[in-house]
Amino acid sequence: MPPLHLFIKPASGNCNLRCKYCFYADVTSLRETASYGIMSTETLEQIVRKAMCYAENECTFSFQGGEPTLAGLSFYKELLRLCTEYNNKSLPLHFAIQTNGYRLTEEWAQFFAEHDFLVGISLDGTIHTHNAFRKAPDGTDTFTDIMHTIELFRKYEVQFNILTVVNKKTAAAIDKIYRFYRKNNFEYLQFIPCLDPFEAVPGSMEYSLTPTDYGSFLCRLFDLWYADFKAGQGISVRQFDNYLSLILYGTAEACDMNGVCSMQNVIEADGSVYPCDFFVLDEYRLGNLNDVDFPAINEKRKELRFIEQSTEKPDSCLHCPHYALCRGGCMRCRVMSANLNPSAEQAKKSPAENYFCQAYKQFFNYALPRLQELAELVSRVL
């Protein structure tokens, strides 16, 4: 059995920011119950107990939202107590959290450092690009507050990485953003493409990332990253690291870059489990850990055939010269393509190309020889 990795939403879709492009706000608006509130300690205990019973080798508890720190520090202290109580197999345990970093205190930073939490903190580049779409509920800017949190993390030596949403603003300003990140010695970066709402026509929102935007962004970011790599000053950009892994080993650690969904356990605040963070919708519910255990969840997973659906690709993908590295990408981005022609119901039922297909073609045509060069350099030192 592979290691068990849980993605827990202890505050459901609740958040102390109002980011204009929030994909999870879109997801919750499409459910019968938009918010499940804050996870109870009883539900948390069921999750920990059943995870410790089911897991082998190791187990990772990752927290996301909404904003997971809204559950309160006492929630995470109780998590650690329960893990100690129920970890009868003495499994190695890992803890991670994705936070917007808004108004976190020194106590949070001390806690993360003391208990080895890996923290992802959302930052959309410079003050201008970040404040464009990442606002507080009263409409005020948040950049300065997030940078203060990063200072606290450094003070207490919290392990953290930066997650940046690639939207219309950030894509256009990648030179300034990259230089800003290097100036601040950010060494672990993730850039994820902004997704339009499920029922929107792609490209119709003020923040929308078009394939043209994204292709230019990837090429320019690669130039900057490649130059640093060659100069012996390389940093981690998750997407490019995964391309090197695909070239060297034929596999990536990110499910979207493998082109097929992995076996995820996304757990809402009421204990319900879903197969993917992008599909926490009523029709994809696999069961509730207050009522069933992980084997029953996996039986429902087989019935749903969610992973199998992700393997379905259009012929254009299978015959593409870049398929070995692209692999069709994330299924959620293929749903976006289907929305380009909302009236074509039959087309929506057939496998669609990734909405960002042209961006990836542009990138691979531009960067593949240098990616292969770097993979060769990496292979020599392994």
Protein backbone atom coordinates (compact mmCIF):
# COMPACT_ATOMS: atom_id res chain seq x y z
CA MET A 1 0.00 0.00 0.00
CA PRO A 2 1.42 3.45 -0.87
CA PRO A 3 1.80 6.12 1.82
CA LEU A 4 -1.48 7.76 2.83
CA HIS A 5 -1.76 11.48 2.07
CA LEU A 6 -4.75 13.41 3.37
CA PHE A 7 -5.81 16.87 2.15
CA ILE A 8 -8.01 18.25 4.92
CA LYS A 9 -10.20 21.37 4.77
CA PRO A 10 -10.80 22.11 8.47
CA ALA A 11 -12.53 25.44 7.76
CA SER A 12 -14.34 24.25 4.62
CA GLY A 13 -14.45 27.13 2.10
CA ASN A 14 -14.40 29.84 4.76
CA CYS A 15 -11.65 32.41 4.30
CA ASN A 16 -10.46 35.71 5.73
CA LEU A 17 -9.59 36.98 2.23
CA ARG A 18 -11.73 37.58 -0.83
CA CYS A 19 -9.43 36.74 -3.72
CA LYS A 20 -11.30 37.49 -6.92
CA TYR A 21 -10.17 34.33 -8.72
CA CYS A 22 -10.68 31.84 -5.85
CA PHE A 23 -11.45 28.47 -7.44
CA TYR A 24 -12.80 27.02 -4.19
CA ALA A 25 -15.35 29.79 -3.77
CA ASP A 26 -16.61 28.74 -7.20
CA VAL A 27 -16.72 25.07 -6.16
CA THR A 28 -18.67 25.76 -2.96
CA SER A 29 -21.22 27.88 -4.85
CA LEU A 30 -22.16 24.81 -6.89
CA ARG A 31 -22.87 22.53 -3.91
CA GLU A 32 -26.09 22.00 -2.00
CA THR A 33 -24.17 22.94 1.15
CA ALA A 34 -21.70 25.70 0.42
CA SER A 35 -19.89 25.66 3.77
CA TYR A 36 -19.52 22.88 6.32
CA GLY A 37 -18.19 25.27 8.94
CA ILE A 38 -15.24 24.41 11.18
CA MET A 39 -14.34 20.74 11.61
CA SER A 40 -15.30 19.35 15.00
CA THR A 41 -12.78 17.60 17.22
CA GLU A 42 -14.97 14.49 16.97
CA THR A 43 -14.62 14.43 13.18
CA LEU A 44 -10.89 15.11 13.45
CA GLU A 45 -10.55 12.16 15.81
CA GLN A 46 -12.36 9.85 13.39
CA ILE A 47 -10.06 10.94 10.57
CA VAL A 48 -6.88 10.43 12.59
CA ARG A 49 -8.00 7.12 14.07
CA LYS A 50 -9.03 5.63 10.73
CA ALA A 51 -5.95 7.01 8.95
CA MET A 52 -3.62 5.47 11.53
CA CYS A 53 -5.43 2.14 11.21
CA TYR A 54 -5.33 2.14 7.39
CA ALA A 55 -1.96 3.71 6.57
CA GLU A 56 1.24 1.79 5.99
CA ASN A 57 4.80 3.08 5.64
CA GLU A 58 3.93 6.72 6.44
CA CYS A 59 1.10 9.25 6.57
CA THR A 60 0.90 12.94 5.64
CA PHE A 61 -1.69 15.36 6.99
CA SER A 62 -1.99 18.40 4.69
CA PHE A 63 -4.34 21.26 5.45
CA GLN A 64 -5.87 23.67 2.98
CA GLY A 65 -9.01 25.67 2.49
CA GLY A 66 -10.58 28.10 2.27
CA GLU A 67 -8.13 29.26 4.92
CA PRO A 68 -7.18 26.38 7.23
CA THR A 69 -5.80 28.54 10.05
CA LEU A 70 -9.35 29.71 10.75
CA ALA A 71 -9.79 26.39 12.58
CA GLY A 72 -7.56 27.86 15.29
CA LEU A 73 -4.27 26.82 16.79
CA SER A 74 -6.02 24.61 19.35
CA PHE A 75 -7.31 22.46 16.45
CA TYR A 76 -3.77 21.65 15.33
CA LYS A 77 -2.59 21.00 18.88
CA GLU A 78 -5.43 18.49 19.19
CA LEU A 79 -4.33 16.93 15.89
CA LEU A 80 -0.87 16.29 17.31
CA ARG A 81 -2.33 14.82 20.50
CA LEU A 82 -4.57 12.47 18.52
CA CYS A 83 -1.70 11.40 16.29
CA THR A 84 0.30 10.47 19.37
CA GLU A 85 -2.66 8.54 20.80
CA TYR A 86 -3.54 6.56 17.67
CA ASN A 87 -0.18 6.04 15.93
CA ASN A 88 0.17 2.51 17.26
CA LYS A 89 2.30 1.44 14.27
CA SER A 90 4.86 4.19 14.97
CA LEU A 91 4.43 5.45 11.41
CA PRO A 92 6.50 8.41 10.25
CA LEU A 93 4.09 11.36 10.15
CA HIS A 94 4.39 14.52 8.08
CA PHE A 95 2.46 17.77 8.38
CA ALA A 96 1.86 20.51 5.80
CA ILE A 97 -0.43 23.49 5.43
CA GLN A 98 -1.29 25.91 2.62
CA THR A 99 -2.15 29.34 4.00
CA ASN A 100 -2.77 32.83 2.71
CA GLY A 101 -0.59 34.03 5.59
CA TYR A 102 -2.97 36.82 6.49
CA ARG A 103 -2.56 38.13 10.05
CA LEU A 104 -0.73 35.10 11.38
CA THR A 105 0.96 35.64 14.72
CA GLU A 106 4.30 34.69 16.23
CA GLU A 107 2.52 31.86 18.03
CA TRP A 108 1.58 30.31 14.69
CA ALA A 109 5.15 30.65 13.42
CA GLN A 110 6.56 29.07 16.58
CA PHE A 111 4.09 26.19 16.31
CA PHE A 112 4.90 25.46 12.66
CA ALA A 113 8.63 25.50 13.40
CA GLU A 114 8.41 23.36 16.53
CA HIS A 115 6.35 20.65 14.84
CA ASP A 116 8.07 20.67 11.43
CA PHE A 117 5.10 21.82 9.37
CA LEU A 118 5.94 22.48 5.73
CA VAL A 119 4.07 25.68 4.94
CA GLY A 120 2.98 26.90 1.54
CA ILE A 121 2.24 30.61 1.60
CA SER A 122 0.28 32.31 -1.17
CA LEU A 123 1.96 35.39 -2.61
CA ASP A 124 1.16 36.78 -6.04
CA GLY A 125 4.46 38.48 -6.77
CA THR A 126 5.12 42.16 -6.09
CA ILE A 127 2.93 44.59 -4.19
CA HIS A 128 1.17 45.64 -7.40
CA THR A 129 0.37 42.18 -8.76
CA HIS A 130 -0.48 40.69 -5.38
CA ASN A 131 -2.87 43.46 -4.36
CA ALA A 132 -4.65 43.38 -7.72
CA PHE A 133 -6.79 40.37 -6.81
CA ARG A 134 -5.90 39.26 -3.27
CA LYS A 135 -8.00 41.55 -1.08
CA ALA A 136 -9.29 41.47 2.49
CA PRO A 137 -13.10 41.30 2.92
CA ASP A 138 -13.25 45.08 3.36
CA GLY A 139 -11.36 45.58 0.09
CA THR A 140 -8.05 46.58 1.65
CA ASP A 141 -4.69 45.39 0.34
CA THR A 142 -2.91 42.43 1.92
CA PHE A 143 0.64 42.38 0.52
CA THR A 144 2.34 44.10 3.47
CA ASP A 145 0.64 41.78 5.94
CA ILE A 146 1.75 38.66 4.04
CA MET A 147 5.34 39.87 3.86
CA HIS A 148 5.25 40.39 7.65
CA THR A 149 4.20 36.76 8.05
CA ILE A 150 7.12 35.67 5.88
CA GLU A 151 9.43 37.67 8.17
CA LEU A 152 8.01 35.75 11.14
CA PHE A 153 8.57 32.46 9.36
CA ARG A 154 12.19 33.37 8.78
CA LYS A 155 12.62 34.52 12.38
CA TYR A 156 11.47 31.12 13.68
CA GLU A 157 13.00 29.09 10.79
CA VAL A 158 9.69 27.77 9.46
CA GLN A 159 10.04 25.64 6.34
CA PHE A 160 8.03 27.42 3.66
CA ASN A 161 7.59 27.75 -0.07
CA ILE A 162 5.88 30.40 -2.18
CA LEU A 163 2.77 29.61 -4.22
CA THR A 164 1.88 32.12 -6.94
CA VAL A 165 -1.29 32.03 -9.04
CA VAL A 166 -0.52 32.82 -12.66
CA ASN A 167 -3.29 35.19 -13.71
CA LYS A 168 -3.44 38.00 -16.26
CA LYS A 169 -1.48 40.38 -14.01
CA THR A 170 1.20 38.01 -12.74
CA ALA A 171 1.82 36.46 -16.16
CA ALA A 172 2.58 39.86 -17.65
CA ALA A 173 4.95 40.83 -14.84
CA ILE A 174 7.05 37.68 -14.43
CA ASP A 175 10.38 39.50 -14.88
CA LYS A 176 9.66 41.85 -11.98
CA ILE A 177 8.20 39.04 -9.89
CA TYR A 178 11.15 36.71 -10.42
CA ARG A 179 13.65 39.44 -9.57
CA PHE A 180 11.62 40.29 -6.45
CA TYR A 181 11.60 36.65 -5.36
CA ARG A 182 15.34 36.31 -5.92
CA LYS A 183 16.00 39.55 -3.99
CA ASN A 184 14.04 38.08 -1.08
CA ASN A 185 15.90 34.76 -1.32
CA PHE A 186 12.78 32.70 -2.02
CA GLU A 187 14.23 29.38 -3.15
CA TYR A 188 11.15 27.16 -3.52
CA LEU A 189 8.50 28.44 -5.92
CA GLN A 190 5.24 27.07 -7.28
CA PHE A 191 3.37 28.77 -10.11
CA ILE A 192 -0.14 27.43 -10.76
CA PRO A 193 -2.35 28.59 -13.64
CA CYS A 194 -5.45 30.55 -12.70
CA LEU A 195 -8.70 28.68 -13.43
CA ASP A 196 -11.89 30.34 -14.57
CA PRO A 197 -15.15 29.25 -12.87
CA PHE A 198 -16.67 25.90 -13.86
CA GLU A 199 -19.58 27.43 -15.74
CA ALA A 200 -17.75 30.43 -17.24
CA VAL A 201 -16.52 30.76 -20.79
CA PRO A 202 -12.70 30.65 -20.44
CA GLY A 203 -11.01 34.00 -20.86
CA SER A 204 -14.08 36.02 -19.87
CA MET A 205 -13.02 37.11 -16.38
CA GLU A 206 -10.92 40.18 -15.51
CA TYR A 207 -8.21 37.92 -14.10
CA SER A 208 -8.41 35.24 -16.80
CA LEU A 209 -5.19 33.61 -17.94
CA THR A 210 -5.34 32.92 -21.68
CA PRO A 211 -3.23 30.27 -23.44
CA THR A 212 -1.28 33.09 -25.12
CA ASP A 213 -0.59 34.72 -21.73
CA TYR A 214 0.47 31.43 -20.21
CA GLY A 215 2.73 30.40 -23.08
CA SER A 216 4.65 33.68 -22.95
CA PHE A 217 4.86 33.43 -19.16
CA LEU A 218 6.31 29.90 -19.22
CA CYS A 219 8.92 30.80 -21.83
CA ARG A 220 10.09 33.90 -19.99
CA LEU A 221 10.13 32.23 -16.58
CA PHE A 222 12.16 29.40 -18.05
CA ASP A 223 14.71 31.85 -19.47
CA LEU A 224 15.20 33.39 -16.03
CA TRP A 225 15.35 30.05 -14.24
CA TYR A 226 17.68 28.50 -16.83
CA ALA A 227 20.14 31.42 -16.62
CA ASP A 228 20.34 31.06 -12.84
CA PHE A 229 20.71 27.29 -13.10
CA LYS A 230 23.60 27.61 -15.55
CA ALA A 231 25.23 30.25 -13.34
CA GLY A 232 25.19 27.89 -10.37
CA GLN A 233 22.46 29.88 -8.62
CA GLY A 234 19.53 27.62 -9.38
CA ILE A 235 16.33 27.63 -7.36
CA SER A 236 13.40 25.23 -7.30
CA VAL A 237 10.51 25.98 -9.65
CA ARG A 238 8.22 23.02 -9.12
CA GLN A 239 6.95 22.76 -12.69
CA PHE A 240 10.42 22.79 -14.22
CA ASP A 241 11.72 20.38 -11.58
CA ASN A 242 8.93 18.02 -12.60
CA TYR A 243 9.82 18.28 -16.29
CA LEU A 244 13.36 17.25 -15.43
CA SER A 245 11.97 14.32 -13.45
CA LEU A 246 9.80 13.29 -16.41
CA ILE A 247 12.81 13.34 -18.72
CA LEU A 248 15.04 11.44 -16.31
CA TYR A 249 12.60 8.99 -14.72
CA GLY A 250 9.38 9.10 -16.74
CA THR A 251 7.31 10.28 -13.80
CA ALA A 252 6.47 13.50 -11.93
CA GLU A 253 5.48 14.08 -8.31
CA ALA A 254 2.60 16.38 -9.38
CA CYS A 255 -0.47 14.45 -10.53
CA ASP A 256 -1.44 16.97 -13.21
CA MET A 257 1.99 16.62 -14.81
CA ASN A 258 1.63 12.85 -14.97
CA GLY A 259 -1.54 13.43 -16.98
CA VAL A 260 -3.61 11.13 -14.75
CA CYS A 261 -5.27 11.81 -11.42
CA SER A 262 -3.68 10.28 -8.35
CA MET A 263 -5.52 8.60 -5.47
CA GLN A 264 -6.30 11.66 -3.38
CA ASN A 265 -8.32 11.96 -0.20
CA VAL A 266 -9.66 15.50 0.00
CA ILE A 267 -11.60 15.76 3.26
CA GLU A 268 -14.17 18.50 3.87
CA ALA A 269 -14.93 19.88 7.32
CA ASP A 270 -17.86 17.50 7.85
CA GLY A 271 -15.66 14.45 7.16
CA SER A 272 -16.79 13.86 3.57
CA VAL A 273 -14.09 12.62 1.19
CA TYR A 274 -13.62 13.61 -2.45
CA PRO A 275 -11.16 12.43 -5.14
CA CYS A 276 -9.68 15.83 -6.09
CA ASP A 277 -9.43 19.36 -4.74
CA PHE A 278 -10.92 20.73 -7.98
CA PHE A 279 -13.95 18.42 -7.77
CA VAL A 280 -15.23 18.78 -4.19
CA LEU A 281 -18.76 18.63 -5.55
CA ASP A 282 -21.79 16.66 -4.40
CA GLU A 283 -21.67 14.23 -7.30
CA TYR A 284 -18.08 13.26 -6.46
CA ARG A 285 -18.55 12.53 -2.73
CA LEU A 286 -16.98 9.18 -1.86
CA GLY A 287 -18.38 8.85 1.65
CA ASN A 288 -17.92 10.34 5.10
CA LEU A 289 -15.25 9.18 7.53
CA ASN A 290 -17.66 9.60 10.41
CA ASP A 291 -19.62 6.70 8.91
CA VAL A 292 -17.21 4.59 6.84
CA ASP A 293 -13.51 3.74 6.70
CA PHE A 294 -10.89 4.10 3.96
CA PRO A 295 -11.52 0.69 2.30
CA ALA A 296 -15.17 1.69 1.79
CA ILE A 297 -14.03 5.07 0.44
CA ASN A 298 -11.83 3.30 -2.09
CA GLU A 299 -14.63 0.98 -3.16
CA LYS A 300 -16.76 4.04 -3.94
CA ARG A 301 -13.76 5.50 -5.77
CA LYS A 302 -13.75 2.45 -8.06
CA GLU A 303 -17.47 2.87 -8.75
CA LEU A 304 -17.03 6.55 -9.59
CA ARG A 305 -14.13 5.81 -11.98
CA PHE A 306 -12.75 9.30 -11.47
CA ILE A 307 -9.14 8.27 -12.03
CA GLU A 308 -10.10 6.26 -15.10
CA GLN A 309 -11.84 9.31 -16.58
CA SER A 310 -8.61 11.28 -16.29
CA THR A 311 -6.83 8.80 -18.59
CA GLU A 312 -9.17 9.61 -21.48
CA LYS A 313 -7.35 11.88 -23.95
CA PRO A 314 -8.27 13.14 -27.41
CA ASP A 315 -6.44 11.70 -30.40
CA SER A 316 -4.71 15.05 -30.91
CA CYS A 317 -2.92 14.50 -27.58
CA LEU A 318 -1.86 10.96 -28.32
CA HIS A 319 -0.29 12.00 -31.63
CA CYS A 320 1.37 15.15 -30.30
CA PRO A 321 5.21 15.13 -30.32
CA HIS A 322 5.17 16.67 -26.83
CA TYR A 323 2.80 14.15 -25.26
CA ALA A 324 5.58 12.37 -23.33
CA LEU A 325 6.11 15.52 -21.26
CA CYS A 326 2.68 17.19 -21.41
CA ARG A 327 0.48 14.07 -21.07
CA GLY A 328 -2.67 16.13 -21.51
CA GLY A 329 -2.30 17.92 -18.19
CA CYS A 330 -4.95 18.32 -15.49
CA MET A 331 -8.47 17.05 -16.10
CA ARG A 332 -9.85 20.31 -14.65
CA CYS A 333 -8.17 22.21 -17.51
CA ARG A 334 -9.81 19.88 -20.00
CA VAL A 335 -13.19 20.82 -18.52
CA MET A 336 -12.34 24.44 -19.30
CA SER A 337 -11.84 23.53 -22.95
CA ALA A 338 -15.25 21.89 -23.06
CA ASN A 339 -16.76 25.21 -21.91
CA LEU A 340 -15.40 27.05 -24.93
CA ASN A 341 -18.52 25.93 -26.77
CA PRO A 342 -21.18 25.49 -24.07
CA SER A 343 -23.88 24.55 -26.59
CA ALA A 344 -21.93 21.57 -27.92
CA GLU A 345 -23.19 19.02 -25.41
CA GLN A 346 -21.75 16.05 -27.28
CA ALA A 347 -18.34 17.68 -27.40
CA LYS A 348 -18.47 18.18 -23.62
CA LYS A 349 -18.94 14.40 -23.21
CA SER A 350 -15.86 13.59 -25.29
CA PRO A 351 -12.25 13.96 -24.16
CA ALA A 352 -11.15 17.55 -24.67
CA GLU A 353 -7.72 19.05 -25.06
CA ASN A 354 -6.20 20.94 -22.16
CA TYR A 355 -7.34 24.57 -22.32
CA PHE A 356 -3.66 25.58 -22.17
CA CYS A 357 -2.62 23.17 -24.94
CA GLN A 358 -1.21 25.90 -27.19
CA ALA A 359 0.74 27.36 -24.27
CA TYR A 360 2.45 24.03 -23.63
CA LYS A 361 3.23 23.55 -27.31
CA GLN A 362 4.77 27.02 -27.40
CA PHE A 363 6.82 26.26 -24.28
CA PHE A 364 8.14 22.86 -25.39
CA ASN A 365 9.03 24.14 -28.85
CA TYR A 366 10.95 26.92 -27.14
CA ALA A 367 12.56 25.21 -24.16
CA LEU A 368 12.82 21.45 -24.76
CA PRO A 369 16.46 21.38 -25.95
CA ARG A 370 17.55 23.28 -22.85
CA LEU A 371 15.41 21.10 -20.58
CA GLN A 372 17.13 18.05 -22.04
CA GLU A 373 20.51 19.72 -21.57
CA LEU A 374 19.79 20.35 -17.88
CA ALA A 375 18.49 16.81 -17.40
CA GLU A 376 21.80 15.55 -18.76
CA LEU A 377 23.72 17.77 -16.35
CA VAL A 378 21.60 16.55 -13.42
CA SER A 379 22.08 12.92 -14.39
CA ARG A 380 25.86 13.29 -14.19
CA VAL A 381 25.79 14.26 -10.53
CA LEU A 382 23.23 11.70 -9.36
